[in-house]
Every structure is written in C-alpha cells, then in structure tokens.
C-alpha cells in the first residue's frame, strides 16, 4: 500500500513521506496518511494492526526515533500524529477530524 498525501505537497511533506516509507516497508499492513493542515502544521495518521498491545507512548517513541532524521523545522511542523489500530480508528474522535477536517478560519 502506498502513503496517501492529501492536498498540496512540499519539501517537508516529501521528507516525512520518505521517513514513513521505511515504516511502511517494515509494516506492510499499515495505512499511512499525511496532510498539511496549515503552513506550520502537518497531520499524520498511521493505522496499523501491529499496534495492538503496544502502549500509545511506545508507539510514539518508535515513530519519533524515526523522525529524528528529519530537519528540526520539519519535526516542529508535525502537530498531530495518530497511531491507531484499525479498531481504535473507528472510535477515535481525532481520526474523524482527520477524515473530515473542519476548514481553518471557522
């Protein structure tokens, strides 16, 4: 499966996509989505059955270790990172916002 990028892409999104491609290679059942929410905010969602039984903090630690290779400016733009199992995706309010984002300025 490929990484889904919603909306416009830029250097930060492309850099993040390259890092996440490594995760996707190691976790072929994962679904990875990115979108730029604003000029200073990138939202990331990874839905992966391999997260089952892993604490949220351990999930985040794993991903942030990968993000360390990104420039600090790009890291600072990652404002939302959802790391969910498929079951959690169905219940997550933040995931619903990811699927149908409220337009900025409202």
PDB file of N, CA and C in Angstrom:
ATOM      1  N   UNK A   1       0.845  -1.171   0.000  1.00  0.00           N
ATOM      2  CA  UNK A   1       0.000   0.000   0.000  1.00  0.00           C
ATOM      3  C   UNK A   1       0.891   1.235   0.000  1.00  0.00           C
ATOM      4  N   UNK A   2       0.444   2.285  -0.615  1.00  0.00           N
ATOM      5  CA  UNK A   2       1.262   3.489  -0.670  1.00  0.00           C
ATOM      6  C   UNK A   2       0.810   4.508   0.375  1.00  0.00           C
ATOM      7  N   UNK A   3       1.673   5.453   0.630  1.00  0.00           N
ATOM      8  CA  UNK A   3       1.362   6.529   1.563  1.00  0.00           C
ATOM      9  C   UNK A   3       0.450   7.514   0.854  1.00  0.00           C
ATOM     10  N   UNK A   4      -0.634   7.882   1.504  1.00  0.00           N
ATOM     11  CA  UNK A   4      -1.596   8.815   0.926  1.00  0.00           C
ATOM     12  C   UNK A   4      -1.267  10.213   1.407  1.00  0.00           C
ATOM     13  N   UNK A   5      -1.109  11.118   0.460  1.00  0.00           N
ATOM     14  CA  UNK A   5      -0.879  12.526   0.787  1.00  0.00           C
ATOM     15  C   UNK A   5      -2.094  13.292   0.302  1.00  0.00           C
ATOM     16  N   UNK A   6      -2.752  13.955   1.228  1.00  0.00           N
ATOM     17  CA  UNK A   6      -3.931  14.752   0.894  1.00  0.00           C
ATOM     18  C   UNK A   6      -3.498  16.185   0.639  1.00  0.00           C
ATOM     19  N   UNK A   7      -4.014  16.761  -0.409  1.00  0.00           N
ATOM     20  CA  UNK A   7      -3.732  18.163  -0.699  1.00  0.00           C
ATOM     21  C   UNK A   7      -2.351  18.378  -1.280  1.00  0.00           C
ATOM     22  N   UNK A   8      -1.891  19.603  -1.101  1.00  0.00           N
ATOM     23  CA  UNK A   8      -0.611  20.027  -1.660  1.00  0.00           C
ATOM     24  C   UNK A   8       0.554  19.333  -0.965  1.00  0.00           C
ATOM     25  N   UNK A   9       1.624  19.145  -1.716  1.00  0.00           N
ATOM     26  CA  UNK A   9       2.846  18.598  -1.142  1.00  0.00           C
ATOM     27  C   UNK A   9       3.919  19.685  -1.154  1.00  0.00           C
ATOM     28  N   UNK A  10       4.901  19.520  -0.312  1.00  0.00           N
ATOM     29  CA  UNK A  10       6.026  20.447  -0.250  1.00  0.00           C
ATOM     30  C   UNK A  10       7.233  19.675   0.265  1.00  0.00           C
ATOM     31  N   UNK A  11       8.333  20.369   0.468  1.00  0.00           N
ATOM     32  CA  UNK A  11       9.559  19.707   0.895  1.00  0.00           C
ATOM     33  C   UNK A  11       9.403  18.980   2.229  1.00  0.00           C
ATOM     34  N   UNK A  12       8.716  19.586   3.186  1.00  0.00           N
ATOM     35  CA  UNK A  12       8.526  18.945   4.490  1.00  0.00           C
ATOM     36  C   UNK A  12       7.686  17.676   4.360  1.00  0.00           C
ATOM     37  N   UNK A  13       6.600  17.747   3.604  1.00  0.00           N
ATOM     38  CA  UNK A  13       5.751  16.572   3.383  1.00  0.00           C
ATOM     39  C   UNK A  13       6.552  15.477   2.684  1.00  0.00           C
ATOM     40  N   UNK A  14       7.328  15.840   1.674  1.00  0.00           N
ATOM     41  CA  UNK A  14       8.125  14.850   0.945  1.00  0.00           C
ATOM     42  C   UNK A  14       9.177  14.209   1.842  1.00  0.00           C
ATOM     43  N   UNK A  15       9.787  14.996   2.717  1.00  0.00           N
ATOM     44  CA  UNK A  15      10.777  14.449   3.663  1.00  0.00           C
ATOM     45  C   UNK A  15      10.118  13.473   4.627  1.00  0.00           C
ATOM     46  N   UNK A  16       8.965  13.852   5.139  1.00  0.00           N
ATOM     47  CA  UNK A  16       8.225  12.987   6.054  1.00  0.00           C
ATOM     48  C   UNK A  16       7.782  11.709   5.343  1.00  0.00           C
ATOM     49  N   UNK A  17       7.364  11.846   4.106  1.00  0.00           N
ATOM     50  CA  UNK A  17       6.951  10.667   3.326  1.00  0.00           C
ATOM     51  C   UNK A  17       8.108   9.675   3.184  1.00  0.00           C
ATOM     52  N   UNK A  18       9.309  10.165   2.939  1.00  0.00           N
ATOM     53  CA  UNK A  18      10.472   9.278   2.790  1.00  0.00           C
ATOM     54  C   UNK A  18      10.753   8.512   4.079  1.00  0.00           C
ATOM     55  N   UNK A  19      10.667   9.202   5.208  1.00  0.00           N
ATOM     56  CA  UNK A  19      10.896   8.536   6.502  1.00  0.00           C
ATOM     57  C   UNK A  19       9.805   7.497   6.748  1.00  0.00           C
ATOM     58  N   UNK A  20       8.563   7.866   6.483  1.00  0.00           N
ATOM     59  CA  UNK A  20       7.451   6.945   6.727  1.00  0.00           C
ATOM     60  C   UNK A  20       7.437   5.771   5.752  1.00  0.00           C
ATOM     61  N   UNK A  21       8.064   5.921   4.606  1.00  0.00           N
ATOM     62  CA  UNK A  21       8.171   4.796   3.676  1.00  0.00           C
ATOM     63  C   UNK A  21       8.964   3.653   4.306  1.00  0.00           C
ATOM     64  N   UNK A  22       9.920   3.998   5.151  1.00  0.00           N
ATOM     65  CA  UNK A  22      10.683   2.960   5.864  1.00  0.00           C
ATOM     66  C   UNK A  22       9.770   2.216   6.834  1.00  0.00           C
ATOM     67  N   UNK A  23       8.921   2.969   7.537  1.00  0.00           N
ATOM     68  CA  UNK A  23       7.972   2.330   8.448  1.00  0.00           C
ATOM     69  C   UNK A  23       7.034   1.419   7.660  1.00  0.00           C
ATOM     70  N   UNK A  24       6.528   1.934   6.560  1.00  0.00           N
ATOM     71  CA  UNK A  24       5.596   1.166   5.737  1.00  0.00           C
ATOM     72  C   UNK A  24       6.240  -0.125   5.223  1.00  0.00           C
ATOM     73  N   UNK A  25       7.503  -0.053   4.882  1.00  0.00           N
ATOM     74  CA  UNK A  25       8.213  -1.243   4.405  1.00  0.00           C
ATOM     75  C   UNK A  25       8.270  -2.324   5.487  1.00  0.00           C
ATOM     76  N   UNK A  26       8.476  -1.889   6.736  1.00  0.00           N
ATOM     77  CA  UNK A  26       8.539  -2.823   7.862  1.00  0.00           C
ATOM     78  C   UNK A  26       7.159  -3.274   8.335  1.00  0.00           C
ATOM     79  N   UNK A  27       6.119  -2.508   7.975  1.00  0.00           N
ATOM     80  CA  UNK A  27       4.746  -2.785   8.406  1.00  0.00           C
ATOM     81  C   UNK A  27       3.816  -2.694   7.190  1.00  0.00           C
ATOM     82  N   UNK A  28       3.861  -3.691   6.319  1.00  0.00           N
ATOM     83  CA  UNK A  28       3.105  -3.616   5.064  1.00  0.00           C
ATOM     84  C   UNK A  28       1.585  -3.559   5.240  1.00  0.00           C
ATOM     85  N   UNK A  29       1.070  -3.902   6.404  1.00  0.00           N
ATOM     86  CA  UNK A  29      -0.377  -3.816   6.637  1.00  0.00           C
ATOM     87  C   UNK A  29      -0.814  -2.428   7.095  1.00  0.00           C
ATOM     88  N   UNK A  30       0.144  -1.540   7.291  1.00  0.00           N
ATOM     89  CA  UNK A  30      -0.190  -0.203   7.785  1.00  0.00           C
ATOM     90  C   UNK A  30      -0.798   0.660   6.682  1.00  0.00           C
ATOM     91  N   UNK A  31      -1.601   1.629   7.127  1.00  0.00           N
ATOM     92  CA  UNK A  31      -2.157   2.654   6.239  1.00  0.00           C
ATOM     93  C   UNK A  31      -1.636   3.988   6.758  1.00  0.00           C
ATOM     94  N   UNK A  32      -0.945   4.719   5.909  1.00  0.00           N
ATOM     95  CA  UNK A  32      -0.317   5.972   6.324  1.00  0.00           C
ATOM     96  C   UNK A  32      -0.883   7.112   5.494  1.00  0.00           C
ATOM     97  N   UNK A  33      -1.291   8.177   6.198  1.00  0.00           N
ATOM     98  CA  UNK A  33      -1.841   9.354   5.532  1.00  0.00           C
ATOM     99  C   UNK A  33      -1.199  10.611   6.106  1.00  0.00           C
ATOM    100  N   UNK A  34      -0.976  11.576   5.235  1.00  0.00           N
ATOM    101  CA  UNK A  34      -0.406  12.863   5.618  1.00  0.00           C
ATOM    102  C   UNK A  34      -1.213  13.979   4.988  1.00  0.00           C
ATOM    103  N   UNK A  35      -1.339  15.080   5.688  1.00  0.00           N
ATOM    104  CA  UNK A  35      -1.805  16.288   5.024  1.00  0.00           C
ATOM    105  C   UNK A  35      -1.330  17.513   5.763  1.00  0.00           C
ATOM    106  N   UNK A  36      -1.125  18.557   4.984  1.00  0.00           N
ATOM    107  CA  UNK A  36      -0.721  19.828   5.566  1.00  0.00           C
ATOM    108  C   UNK A  36      -1.980  20.568   5.970  1.00  0.00           C
ATOM    109  N   UNK A  37      -2.123  20.784   7.263  1.00  0.00           N
ATOM    110  CA  UNK A  37      -3.298  21.458   7.822  1.00  0.00           C
ATOM    111  C   UNK A  37      -3.185  22.967   7.639  1.00  0.00           C
ATOM    112  N   UNK A  38      -1.980  23.487   7.777  1.00  0.00           N
ATOM    113  CA  UNK A  38      -1.714  24.908   7.572  1.00  0.00           C
ATOM    114  C   UNK A  38      -0.244  25.034   7.195  1.00  0.00           C
ATOM    115  N   UNK A  39       0.221  26.257   7.043  1.00  0.00           N
ATOM    116  CA  UNK A  39       1.622  26.432   6.643  1.00  0.00           C
ATOM    117  C   UNK A  39       2.610  26.027   7.742  1.00  0.00           C
ATOM    118  N   UNK A  40       2.132  25.755   8.956  1.00  0.00           N
ATOM    119  CA  UNK A  40       3.012  25.332  10.056  1.00  0.00           C
ATOM    120  C   UNK A  40       2.532  24.049  10.732  1.00  0.00           C
ATOM    121  N   UNK A  41       1.638  23.316  10.073  1.00  0.00           N
ATOM    122  CA  UNK A  41       1.033  22.156  10.729  1.00  0.00           C
ATOM    123  C   UNK A  41       0.830  20.996   9.753  1.00  0.00           C
ATOM    124  N   UNK A  42       1.429  19.863  10.096  1.00  0.00           N
ATOM    125  CA  UNK A  42       1.252  18.633   9.316  1.00  0.00           C
ATOM    126  C   UNK A  42       0.550  17.614  10.208  1.00  0.00           C
ATOM    127  N   UNK A  43      -0.485  16.987   9.680  1.00  0.00           N
ATOM    128  CA  UNK A  43      -1.193  15.930  10.389  1.00  0.00           C
ATOM    129  C   UNK A  43      -0.801  14.588   9.779  1.00  0.00           C
ATOM    130  N   UNK A  44      -0.566  13.620  10.635  1.00  0.00           N
ATOM    131  CA  UNK A  44      -0.131  12.289  10.227  1.00  0.00           C
ATOM    132  C   UNK A  44      -1.000  11.257  10.927  1.00  0.00           C
ATOM    133  N   UNK A  45      -1.460  10.271  10.154  1.00  0.00           N
ATOM    134  CA  UNK A  45      -2.210   9.167  10.767  1.00  0.00           C
ATOM    135  C   UNK A  45      -1.643   7.859  10.227  1.00  0.00           C
ATOM    136  N   UNK A  46      -1.339   6.971  11.163  1.00  0.00           N
ATOM    137  CA  UNK A  46      -0.911   5.618  10.810  1.00  0.00           C
ATOM    138  C   UNK A  46      -1.874   4.656  11.484  1.00  0.00           C
ATOM    139  N   UNK A  47      -2.524   3.856  10.676  1.00  0.00           N
ATOM    140  CA  UNK A  47      -3.402   2.802  11.179  1.00  0.00           C
ATOM    141  C   UNK A  47      -2.683   1.490  10.903  1.00  0.00           C
ATOM    142  N   UNK A  48      -2.379   0.778  11.972  1.00  0.00           N
ATOM    143  CA  UNK A  48      -1.550  -0.418  11.830  1.00  0.00           C
ATOM    144  C   UNK A  48      -2.014  -1.484  12.828  1.00  0.00           C
ATOM    145  N   UNK A  49      -2.414  -2.651  12.333  1.00  0.00           N
ATOM    146  CA  UNK A  49      -2.795  -3.723  13.256  1.00  0.00           C
ATOM    147  C   UNK A  49      -1.649  -4.145  14.168  1.00  0.00           C
ATOM    148  N   UNK A  50      -0.407  -3.865  13.772  1.00  0.00           N
ATOM    149  CA  UNK A  50       0.749  -4.210  14.603  1.00  0.00           C
ATOM    150  C   UNK A  50       0.815  -3.389  15.892  1.00  0.00           C
ATOM    151  N   UNK A  51       0.033  -2.306  16.003  1.00  0.00           N
ATOM    152  CA  UNK A  51      -0.003  -1.507  17.220  1.00  0.00           C
ATOM    153  C   UNK A  51      -0.759  -2.207  18.354  1.00  0.00           C
ATOM    154  N   UNK A  52      -1.510  -3.240  18.025  1.00  0.00           N
ATOM    155  CA  UNK A  52      -2.296  -3.923  19.061  1.00  0.00           C
ATOM    156  C   UNK A  52      -1.377  -4.409  20.177  1.00  0.00           C
ATOM    157  N   UNK A  53      -1.746  -4.053  21.410  1.00  0.00           N
ATOM    158  CA  UNK A  53      -0.982  -4.471  22.575  1.00  0.00           C
ATOM    159  C   UNK A  53       0.208  -3.572  22.890  1.00  0.00           C
ATOM    160  N   UNK A  54       0.430  -2.540  22.105  1.00  0.00           N
ATOM    161  CA  UNK A  54       1.544  -1.618  22.328  1.00  0.00           C
ATOM    162  C   UNK A  54       0.974  -0.315  22.886  1.00  0.00           C
ATOM    163  N   UNK A  55       1.549   0.192  23.950  1.00  0.00           N
ATOM    164  CA  UNK A  55       1.048   1.427  24.564  1.00  0.00           C
ATOM    165  C   UNK A  55       1.208   2.603  23.601  1.00  0.00           C
ATOM    166  N   UNK A  56       0.385   3.632  23.822  1.00  0.00           N
ATOM    167  CA  UNK A  56       0.477   4.826  22.988  1.00  0.00           C
ATOM    168  C   UNK A  56       1.853   5.471  23.085  1.00  0.00           C
ATOM    169  N   UNK A  57       2.417   5.514  24.285  1.00  0.00           N
ATOM    170  CA  UNK A  57       3.738   6.139  24.439  1.00  0.00           C
ATOM    171  C   UNK A  57       4.813   5.348  23.693  1.00  0.00           C
ATOM    172  N   UNK A  58       4.736   4.025  23.717  1.00  0.00           N
ATOM    173  CA  UNK A  58       5.709   3.221  22.977  1.00  0.00           C
ATOM    174  C   UNK A  58       5.539   3.391  21.470  1.00  0.00           C
ATOM    175  N   UNK A  59       4.310   3.521  21.009  1.00  0.00           N
ATOM    176  CA  UNK A  59       4.062   3.779  19.580  1.00  0.00           C
ATOM    177  C   UNK A  59       4.721   5.091  19.174  1.00  0.00           C
ATOM    178  N   UNK A  60       4.472   6.126  19.990  1.00  0.00           N
ATOM    179  CA  UNK A  60       5.041   7.438  19.678  1.00  0.00           C
ATOM    180  C   UNK A  60       6.561   7.433  19.751  1.00  0.00           C
ATOM    181  N   UNK A  61       7.125   6.760  20.725  1.00  0.00           N
ATOM    182  CA  UNK A  61       8.586   6.672  20.830  1.00  0.00           C
ATOM    183  C   UNK A  61       9.185   6.068  19.566  1.00  0.00           C
ATOM    184  N   UNK A  62       8.562   5.015  19.065  1.00  0.00           N
ATOM    185  CA  UNK A  62       9.053   4.359  17.854  1.00  0.00           C
ATOM    186  C   UNK A  62       9.072   5.320  16.675  1.00  0.00           C
ATOM    187  N   UNK A  63       7.986   6.049  16.491  1.00  0.00           N
ATOM    188  CA  UNK A  63       7.909   6.966  15.353  1.00  0.00           C
ATOM    189  C   UNK A  63       8.827   8.159  15.519  1.00  0.00           C
ATOM    190  N   UNK A  64       8.887   8.722  16.726  1.00  0.00           N
ATOM    191  CA  UNK A  64       9.743   9.897  16.912  1.00  0.00           C
ATOM    192  C   UNK A  64      11.221   9.557  16.738  1.00  0.00           C
ATOM    193  N   UNK A  65      11.618   8.334  17.044  1.00  0.00           N
ATOM    194  CA  UNK A  65      13.004   7.933  16.761  1.00  0.00           C
ATOM    195  C   UNK A  65      13.263   8.005  15.260  1.00  0.00           C
ATOM    196  N   UNK A  66      12.284   7.624  14.467  1.00  0.00           N
ATOM    197  CA  UNK A  66      12.428   7.712  13.007  1.00  0.00           C
ATOM    198  C   UNK A  66      12.448   9.172  12.545  1.00  0.00           C
ATOM    199  N   UNK A  67      11.644  10.010  13.193  1.00  0.00           N
ATOM    200  CA  UNK A  67      11.550  11.414  12.797  1.00  0.00           C
ATOM    201  C   UNK A  67      12.813  12.204  13.134  1.00  0.00           C
ATOM    202  N   UNK A  68      13.671  11.645  13.991  1.00  0.00           N
ATOM    203  CA  UNK A  68      14.890  12.351  14.373  1.00  0.00           C
ATOM    204  C   UNK A  68      15.786  12.657  13.182  1.00  0.00           C
ATOM    205  N   UNK A  69      15.656  11.905  12.109  1.00  0.00           N
ATOM    206  CA  UNK A  69      16.487  12.170  10.930  1.00  0.00           C
ATOM    207  C   UNK A  69      15.950  13.341  10.097  1.00  0.00           C
ATOM    208  N   UNK A  70      14.759  13.809  10.426  1.00  0.00           N
ATOM    209  CA  UNK A  70      14.186  14.963   9.725  1.00  0.00           C
ATOM    210  C   UNK A  70      14.800  16.259  10.256  1.00  0.00           C
ATOM    211  N   UNK A  71      14.828  17.299   9.425  1.00  0.00           N
ATOM    212  CA  UNK A  71      15.270  18.600   9.936  1.00  0.00           C
ATOM    213  C   UNK A  71      14.364  19.050  11.086  1.00  0.00           C
ATOM    214  N   UNK A  72      14.920  19.790  12.044  1.00  0.00           N
ATOM    215  CA  UNK A  72      14.134  20.252  13.195  1.00  0.00           C
ATOM    216  C   UNK A  72      12.912  21.043  12.762  1.00  0.00           C
ATOM    217  N   UNK A  73      13.056  21.829  11.708  1.00  0.00           N
ATOM    218  CA  UNK A  73      11.924  22.628  11.227  1.00  0.00           C
ATOM    219  C   UNK A  73      10.768  21.726  10.801  1.00  0.00           C
ATOM    220  N   UNK A  74      11.074  20.647  10.116  1.00  0.00           N
ATOM    221  CA  UNK A  74      10.032  19.701   9.693  1.00  0.00           C
ATOM    222  C   UNK A  74       9.430  19.008  10.913  1.00  0.00           C
ATOM    223  N   UNK A  75      10.274  18.590  11.846  1.00  0.00           N
ATOM    224  CA  UNK A  75       9.768  17.949  13.065  1.00  0.00           C
ATOM    225  C   UNK A  75       8.787  18.874  13.792  1.00  0.00           C
ATOM    226  N   UNK A  76       9.111  20.154  13.834  1.00  0.00           N
ATOM    227  CA  UNK A  76       8.264  21.094  14.573  1.00  0.00           C
ATOM    228  C   UNK A  76       6.911  21.302  13.898  1.00  0.00           C
ATOM    229  N   UNK A  77       6.793  20.954  12.628  1.00  0.00           N
ATOM    230  CA  UNK A  77       5.536  21.117  11.910  1.00  0.00           C
ATOM    231  C   UNK A  77       4.587  19.932  12.101  1.00  0.00           C
ATOM    232  N   UNK A  78       5.059  18.831  12.657  1.00  0.00           N
ATOM    233  CA  UNK A  78       4.211  17.666  12.893  1.00  0.00           C
ATOM    234  C   UNK A  78       3.381  17.957  14.138  1.00  0.00           C
ATOM    235  N   UNK A  79       2.160  18.414  13.934  1.00  0.00           N
ATOM    236  CA  UNK A  79       1.334  18.842  15.059  1.00  0.00           C
ATOM    237  C   UNK A  79       0.352  17.769  15.521  1.00  0.00           C
ATOM    238  N   UNK A  80      -0.013  16.854  14.636  1.00  0.00           N
ATOM    239  CA  UNK A  80      -0.904  15.745  15.007  1.00  0.00           C
ATOM    240  C   UNK A  80      -0.296  14.476  14.455  1.00  0.00           C
ATOM    241  N   UNK A  81      -0.198  13.484  15.321  1.00  0.00           N
ATOM    242  CA  UNK A  81       0.251  12.164  14.889  1.00  0.00           C
ATOM    243  C   UNK A  81      -0.634  11.133  15.578  1.00  0.00           C
ATOM    244  N   UNK A  82      -1.459  10.507  14.774  1.00  0.00           N
ATOM    245  CA  UNK A  82      -2.379   9.484  15.270  1.00  0.00           C
ATOM    246  C   UNK A  82      -1.796   8.119  14.937  1.00  0.00           C
ATOM    247  N   UNK A  83      -1.637   7.293  15.945  1.00  0.00           N
ATOM    248  CA  UNK A  83      -1.080   5.951  15.782  1.00  0.00           C
ATOM    249  C   UNK A  83      -2.106   4.982  16.346  1.00  0.00           C
ATOM    250  N   UNK A  84      -2.888   4.395  15.457  1.00  0.00           N
ATOM    251  CA  UNK A  84      -4.074   3.646  15.852  1.00  0.00           C
ATOM    252  C   UNK A  84      -4.102   2.248  15.259  1.00  0.00           C
ATOM    253  N   UNK A  85      -4.757   1.342  15.982  1.00  0.00           N
ATOM    254  CA  UNK A  85      -5.114   0.061  15.382  1.00  0.00           C
ATOM    255  C   UNK A  85      -6.378   0.301  14.551  1.00  0.00           C
ATOM    256  N   UNK A  86      -6.739  -0.617  13.664  1.00  0.00           N
ATOM    257  CA  UNK A  86      -7.986  -0.437  12.904  1.00  0.00           C
ATOM    258  C   UNK A  86      -9.210  -0.290  13.815  1.00  0.00           C
ATOM    259  N   UNK A  87      -9.239  -1.001  14.923  1.00  0.00           N
ATOM    260  CA  UNK A  87     -10.359  -0.908  15.860  1.00  0.00           C
ATOM    261  C   UNK A  87     -10.412   0.466  16.522  1.00  0.00           C
ATOM    262  N   UNK A  88      -9.240   0.997  16.898  1.00  0.00           N
ATOM    263  CA  UNK A  88      -9.177   2.309  17.521  1.00  0.00           C
ATOM    264  C   UNK A  88      -9.582   3.410  16.547  1.00  0.00           C
ATOM    265  N   UNK A  89      -9.275   3.224  15.291  1.00  0.00           N
ATOM    266  CA  UNK A  89      -9.628   4.218  14.271  1.00  0.00           C
ATOM    267  C   UNK A  89     -11.135   4.463  14.252  1.00  0.00           C
ATOM    268  N   UNK A  90     -11.904   3.411  14.418  1.00  0.00           N
ATOM    269  CA  UNK A  90     -13.366   3.523  14.387  1.00  0.00           C
ATOM    270  C   UNK A  90     -13.908   4.348  15.546  1.00  0.00           C
ATOM    271  N   UNK A  91     -13.168   4.413  16.670  1.00  0.00           N
ATOM    272  CA  UNK A  91     -13.645   5.070  17.881  1.00  0.00           C
ATOM    273  C   UNK A  91     -12.987   6.431  18.132  1.00  0.00           C
ATOM    274  N   UNK A  92     -11.991   6.771  17.375  1.00  0.00           N
ATOM    275  CA  UNK A  92     -11.181   7.944  17.665  1.00  0.00           C
ATOM    276  C   UNK A  92     -11.811   9.222  17.121  1.00  0.00           C
ATOM    277  N   UNK A  93     -12.090  10.164  18.023  1.00  0.00           N
ATOM    278  CA  UNK A  93     -12.608  11.463  17.610  1.00  0.00           C
ATOM    279  C   UNK A  93     -11.599  12.177  16.715  1.00  0.00           C
ATOM    280  N   UNK A  94     -10.328  12.114  17.068  1.00  0.00           N
ATOM    281  CA  UNK A  94      -9.287  12.760  16.266  1.00  0.00           C
ATOM    282  C   UNK A  94      -9.208  12.150  14.876  1.00  0.00           C
ATOM    283  N   UNK A  95      -9.477  10.873  14.770  1.00  0.00           N
ATOM    284  CA  UNK A  95      -9.462  10.221  13.461  1.00  0.00           C
ATOM    285  C   UNK A  95     -10.611  10.725  12.598  1.00  0.00           C
ATOM    286  N   UNK A  96     -11.757  10.970  13.218  1.00  0.00           N
ATOM    287  CA  UNK A  96     -12.898  11.522  12.479  1.00  0.00           C
ATOM    288  C   UNK A  96     -12.530  12.897  11.942  1.00  0.00           C
ATOM    289  N   UNK A  97     -11.886  13.708  12.767  1.00  0.00           N
ATOM    290  CA  UNK A  97     -11.438  15.032  12.322  1.00  0.00           C
ATOM    291  C   UNK A  97     -10.455  14.894  11.160  1.00  0.00           C
ATOM    292  N   UNK A  98      -9.636  13.850  11.183  1.00  0.00           N
ATOM    293  CA  UNK A  98      -8.678  13.622  10.109  1.00  0.00           C
ATOM    294  C   UNK A  98      -9.409  13.308   8.806  1.00  0.00           C
ATOM    295  N   UNK A  99     -10.473  12.506   8.899  1.00  0.00           N
ATOM    296  CA  UNK A  99     -11.241  12.138   7.697  1.00  0.00           C
ATOM    297  C   UNK A  99     -12.021  13.304   7.122  1.00  0.00           C
ATOM    298  N   UNK A 100     -12.508  14.183   7.978  1.00  0.00           N
ATOM    299  CA  UNK A 100     -13.365  15.290   7.542  1.00  0.00           C
ATOM    300  C   UNK A 100     -12.957  16.552   8.300  1.00  0.00           C
ATOM    301  N   UNK A 101     -11.802  17.137   7.946  1.00  0.00           N
ATOM    302  CA  UNK A 101     -11.292  18.266   8.723  1.00  0.00           C
ATOM    303  C   UNK A 101     -12.177  19.487   8.643  1.00  0.00           C
ATOM    304  N   UNK A 102     -12.287  20.157   9.765  1.00  0.00           N
ATOM    305  CA  UNK A 102     -13.022  21.421   9.816  1.00  0.00           C
ATOM    306  C   UNK A 102     -12.146  22.465   9.130  1.00  0.00           C
ATOM    307  N   UNK A 103     -12.707  23.219   8.189  1.00  0.00           N
ATOM    308  CA  UNK A 103     -11.893  24.231   7.496  1.00  0.00           C
ATOM    309  C   UNK A 103     -11.311  25.239   8.485  1.00  0.00           C
ATOM    310  N   UNK A 104     -10.107  25.693   8.198  1.00  0.00           N
ATOM    311  CA  UNK A 104      -9.478  26.713   9.035  1.00  0.00           C
ATOM    312  C   UNK A 104     -10.260  28.016   8.924  1.00  0.00           C
ATOM    313  N   UNK A 105     -10.265  28.788   9.979  1.00  0.00           N
ATOM    314  CA  UNK A 105     -10.923  30.080   9.959  1.00  0.00           C
ATOM    315  C   UNK A 105     -12.365  30.050  10.418  1.00  0.00           C
ATOM    316  N   UNK A 106     -12.825  28.886  10.848  1.00  0.00           N
ATOM    317  CA  UNK A 106     -14.216  28.782  11.322  1.00  0.00           C
ATOM    318  C   UNK A 106     -14.215  28.848  12.835  1.00  0.00           C
TER     319      UNK A 106
END
